[in-house]
Amino acid sequence: MTPFDPENRRVHRRVVMEKDTRICHGGGAARARILNISVGGAGLQMEMRLPDSTEITVEIENIGLIPARIVRQMADGVAVKFEFSEEKEQQLIRQIAGLVARKRREQFHVVS
């Protein structure tokens, strides 16, 4: 997808990752796996199905619980849009920047 692709509605760059997490919703809590994350939202792999527009919270390591809303269904889970304070947004930006830097270091790591 190019930045001019009309099918690509994403505003923020995604970072692919696989990180276990926990989500909470009106009916309780469940385990999930973060497949990708950006400042705007995340792709979550979950065994349970929750409908679009369901409000949940996603536990993000070193940040805490982030309110989110399910915006679409995926084959193996859901896509969520984060709905958080500016302070939490800044924490997430710093954490994602750290993930990107670590991935770049790993990509160019040379073993002698």
C-alpha atoms as a PDB file:
ATOM      1  CA  MET A   1       0.000   0.000   0.000  1.00  0.00           C
ATOM      2  CA  THR A   2       1.226   3.428  -0.846  1.00  0.00           C
ATOM      3  CA  PRO A   3       0.438   6.556   1.132  1.00  0.00           C
ATOM      4  CA  PHE A   4      -1.949   7.526  -1.694  1.00  0.00           C
ATOM      5  CA  ASP A   5      -3.813   4.213  -1.699  1.00  0.00           C
ATOM      6  CA  PRO A   6      -7.512   5.051  -1.114  1.00  0.00           C
ATOM      7  CA  GLU A   7      -7.956   1.666   0.618  1.00  0.00           C
ATOM      8  CA  ASN A   8      -5.327   2.562   3.238  1.00  0.00           C
ATOM      9  CA  ARG A   9      -7.167   4.713   5.780  1.00  0.00           C
ATOM     10  CA  ARG A  10      -4.437   4.435   8.414  1.00  0.00           C
ATOM     11  CA  VAL A  11      -3.061   7.677   9.745  1.00  0.00           C
ATOM     12  CA  HIS A  12      -0.270   6.205  11.898  1.00  0.00           C
ATOM     13  CA  ARG A  13       2.566   3.849  11.047  1.00  0.00           C
ATOM     14  CA  ARG A  14       2.094   0.328  12.433  1.00  0.00           C
ATOM     15  CA  VAL A  15       4.739  -1.764  14.148  1.00  0.00           C
ATOM     16  CA  VAL A  16       4.369  -5.519  13.747  1.00  0.00           C
ATOM     17  CA  MET A  17       4.848  -7.394  16.984  1.00  0.00           C
ATOM     18  CA  GLU A  18       3.596 -10.395  18.881  1.00  0.00           C
ATOM     19  CA  LYS A  19       2.945  -9.623  22.527  1.00  0.00           C
ATOM     20  CA  ASP A  20       0.544 -11.338  24.899  1.00  0.00           C
ATOM     21  CA  THR A  21      -1.859  -9.018  26.658  1.00  0.00           C
ATOM     22  CA  ARG A  22      -5.176  -8.877  28.439  1.00  0.00           C
ATOM     23  CA  ILE A  23      -8.339  -7.083  27.431  1.00  0.00           C
ATOM     24  CA  CYS A  24     -11.320  -6.150  29.563  1.00  0.00           C
ATOM     25  CA  HIS A  25     -14.857  -5.630  28.289  1.00  0.00           C
ATOM     26  CA  GLY A  26     -18.345  -5.327  29.732  1.00  0.00           C
ATOM     27  CA  GLY A  27     -18.602  -9.096  30.095  1.00  0.00           C
ATOM     28  CA  GLY A  28     -15.272  -9.676  31.807  1.00  0.00           C
ATOM     29  CA  ALA A  29     -11.667 -10.161  30.747  1.00  0.00           C
ATOM     30  CA  ALA A  30      -9.879 -12.260  28.148  1.00  0.00           C
ATOM     31  CA  ARG A  31      -6.386 -13.015  26.915  1.00  0.00           C
ATOM     32  CA  ALA A  32      -5.283 -11.575  23.586  1.00  0.00           C
ATOM     33  CA  ARG A  33      -2.148 -11.100  21.523  1.00  0.00           C
ATOM     34  CA  ILE A  34      -1.113  -7.762  20.044  1.00  0.00           C
ATOM     35  CA  LEU A  35      -0.256  -8.433  16.376  1.00  0.00           C
ATOM     36  CA  ASN A  36       0.509  -4.842  15.418  1.00  0.00           C
ATOM     37  CA  ILE A  37       0.283  -1.492  17.105  1.00  0.00           C
ATOM     38  CA  SER A  38       0.331   2.193  16.235  1.00  0.00           C
ATOM     39  CA  VAL A  39      -0.477   5.373  18.071  1.00  0.00           C
ATOM     40  CA  GLY A  40      -4.025   5.128  16.733  1.00  0.00           C
ATOM     41  CA  GLY A  41      -4.848   1.507  17.500  1.00  0.00           C
ATOM     42  CA  ALA A  42      -3.877  -2.140  17.279  1.00  0.00           C
ATOM     43  CA  GLY A  43      -4.627  -5.470  15.698  1.00  0.00           C
ATOM     44  CA  LEU A  44      -5.534  -8.026  18.362  1.00  0.00           C
ATOM     45  CA  GLN A  45      -5.703 -11.788  18.000  1.00  0.00           C
ATOM     46  CA  MET A  46      -8.423 -13.158  20.269  1.00  0.00           C
ATOM     47  CA  GLU A  47     -10.247 -16.451  20.588  1.00  0.00           C
ATOM     48  CA  MET A  48     -13.510 -14.779  21.612  1.00  0.00           C
ATOM     49  CA  ARG A  49     -15.534 -12.646  19.223  1.00  0.00           C
ATOM     50  CA  LEU A  50     -16.780  -9.235  20.267  1.00  0.00           C
ATOM     51  CA  PRO A  51     -18.909  -7.120  17.919  1.00  0.00           C
ATOM     52  CA  ASP A  52     -17.802  -3.889  16.259  1.00  0.00           C
ATOM     53  CA  SER A  53     -18.212  -0.788  18.439  1.00  0.00           C
ATOM     54  CA  THR A  54     -17.616  -2.790  21.639  1.00  0.00           C
ATOM     55  CA  GLU A  55     -15.689  -0.695  24.155  1.00  0.00           C
ATOM     56  CA  ILE A  56     -12.724  -2.498  25.706  1.00  0.00           C
ATOM     57  CA  THR A  57      -9.518  -1.722  27.534  1.00  0.00           C
ATOM     58  CA  VAL A  58      -6.188  -3.114  26.351  1.00  0.00           C
ATOM     59  CA  GLU A  59      -3.333  -3.629  28.787  1.00  0.00           C
ATOM     60  CA  ILE A  60      -0.133  -2.215  27.270  1.00  0.00           C
ATOM     61  CA  GLU A  61       3.123  -3.074  29.022  1.00  0.00           C
ATOM     62  CA  ASN A  62       4.750  -0.092  30.770  1.00  0.00           C
ATOM     63  CA  ILE A  63       1.735   2.108  29.992  1.00  0.00           C
ATOM     64  CA  GLY A  64      -1.305   0.541  31.605  1.00  0.00           C
ATOM     65  CA  LEU A  65      -4.886   0.130  30.507  1.00  0.00           C
ATOM     66  CA  ILE A  66      -5.820   1.945  27.306  1.00  0.00           C
ATOM     67  CA  PRO A  67      -9.498   2.462  26.410  1.00  0.00           C
ATOM     68  CA  ALA A  68     -10.294   1.295  22.879  1.00  0.00           C
ATOM     69  CA  ARG A  69     -13.205   0.554  20.587  1.00  0.00           C
ATOM     70  CA  ILE A  70     -13.460  -2.359  18.145  1.00  0.00           C
ATOM     71  CA  VAL A  71     -13.634  -0.912  14.635  1.00  0.00           C
ATOM     72  CA  ARG A  72     -13.503  -4.030  12.446  1.00  0.00           C
ATOM     73  CA  GLN A  73     -13.270  -7.790  12.417  1.00  0.00           C
ATOM     74  CA  MET A  74     -10.222  -9.655  11.097  1.00  0.00           C
ATOM     75  CA  ALA A  75      -9.818 -13.358  10.310  1.00  0.00           C
ATOM     76  CA  ASP A  76      -7.969 -13.969  13.566  1.00  0.00           C
ATOM     77  CA  GLY A  77      -9.242 -11.178  15.786  1.00  0.00           C
ATOM     78  CA  VAL A  78     -10.177  -7.512  15.723  1.00  0.00           C
ATOM     79  CA  ALA A  79      -8.828  -4.073  14.937  1.00  0.00           C
ATOM     80  CA  VAL A  80      -9.233  -1.484  17.687  1.00  0.00           C
ATOM     81  CA  LYS A  81      -8.972   2.295  17.792  1.00  0.00           C
ATOM     82  CA  PHE A  82      -7.445   3.745  20.952  1.00  0.00           C
ATOM     83  CA  GLU A  83      -9.371   6.425  22.825  1.00  0.00           C
ATOM     84  CA  PHE A  84      -7.020   7.853  25.422  1.00  0.00           C
ATOM     85  CA  SER A  85      -5.620  10.929  27.094  1.00  0.00           C
ATOM     86  CA  GLU A  86      -2.786  12.979  25.639  1.00  0.00           C
ATOM     87  CA  GLU A  87      -0.472  11.743  28.414  1.00  0.00           C
ATOM     88  CA  LYS A  88      -1.117   8.077  27.543  1.00  0.00           C
ATOM     89  CA  GLU A  89      -0.738   8.899  23.854  1.00  0.00           C
ATOM     90  CA  GLN A  90       2.714  10.397  24.483  1.00  0.00           C
ATOM     91  CA  GLN A  91       3.748   7.319  26.508  1.00  0.00           C
ATOM     92  CA  LEU A  92       2.637   5.066  23.653  1.00  0.00           C
ATOM     93  CA  ILE A  93       4.510   7.175  21.085  1.00  0.00           C
ATOM     94  CA  ARG A  94       7.716   6.802  23.122  1.00  0.00           C
ATOM     95  CA  GLN A  95       7.200   3.057  23.519  1.00  0.00           C
ATOM     96  CA  ILE A  96       6.528   2.517  19.805  1.00  0.00           C
ATOM     97  CA  ALA A  97       9.598   4.620  18.924  1.00  0.00           C
ATOM     98  CA  GLY A  98      11.625   2.332  21.197  1.00  0.00           C
ATOM     99  CA  LEU A  99      10.208  -0.758  19.441  1.00  0.00           C
ATOM    100  CA  VAL A 100      11.114   0.654  16.031  1.00  0.00           C
ATOM    101  CA  ALA A 101      14.658   1.480  17.194  1.00  0.00           C
ATOM    102  CA  ARG A 102      15.105  -2.018  18.653  1.00  0.00           C
ATOM    103  CA  LYS A 103      13.846  -3.678  15.443  1.00  0.00           C
ATOM    104  CA  ARG A 104      16.286  -1.572  13.403  1.00  0.00           C
ATOM    105  CA  ARG A 105      19.183  -2.547  15.677  1.00  0.00           C
ATOM    106  CA  GLU A 106      18.230  -6.230  15.411  1.00  0.00           C
ATOM    107  CA  GLN A 107      17.911  -5.963  11.623  1.00  0.00           C
ATOM    108  CA  PHE A 108      21.401  -4.549  11.222  1.00  0.00           C
ATOM    109  CA  HIS A 109      23.072  -6.483  14.038  1.00  0.00           C
ATOM    110  CA  VAL A 110      26.253  -8.084  12.751  1.00  0.00           C
ATOM    111  CA  VAL A 111      27.702 -11.092  14.547  1.00  0.00           C
ATOM    112  CA  SER A 112      31.436 -11.685  13.990  1.00  0.00           C
END
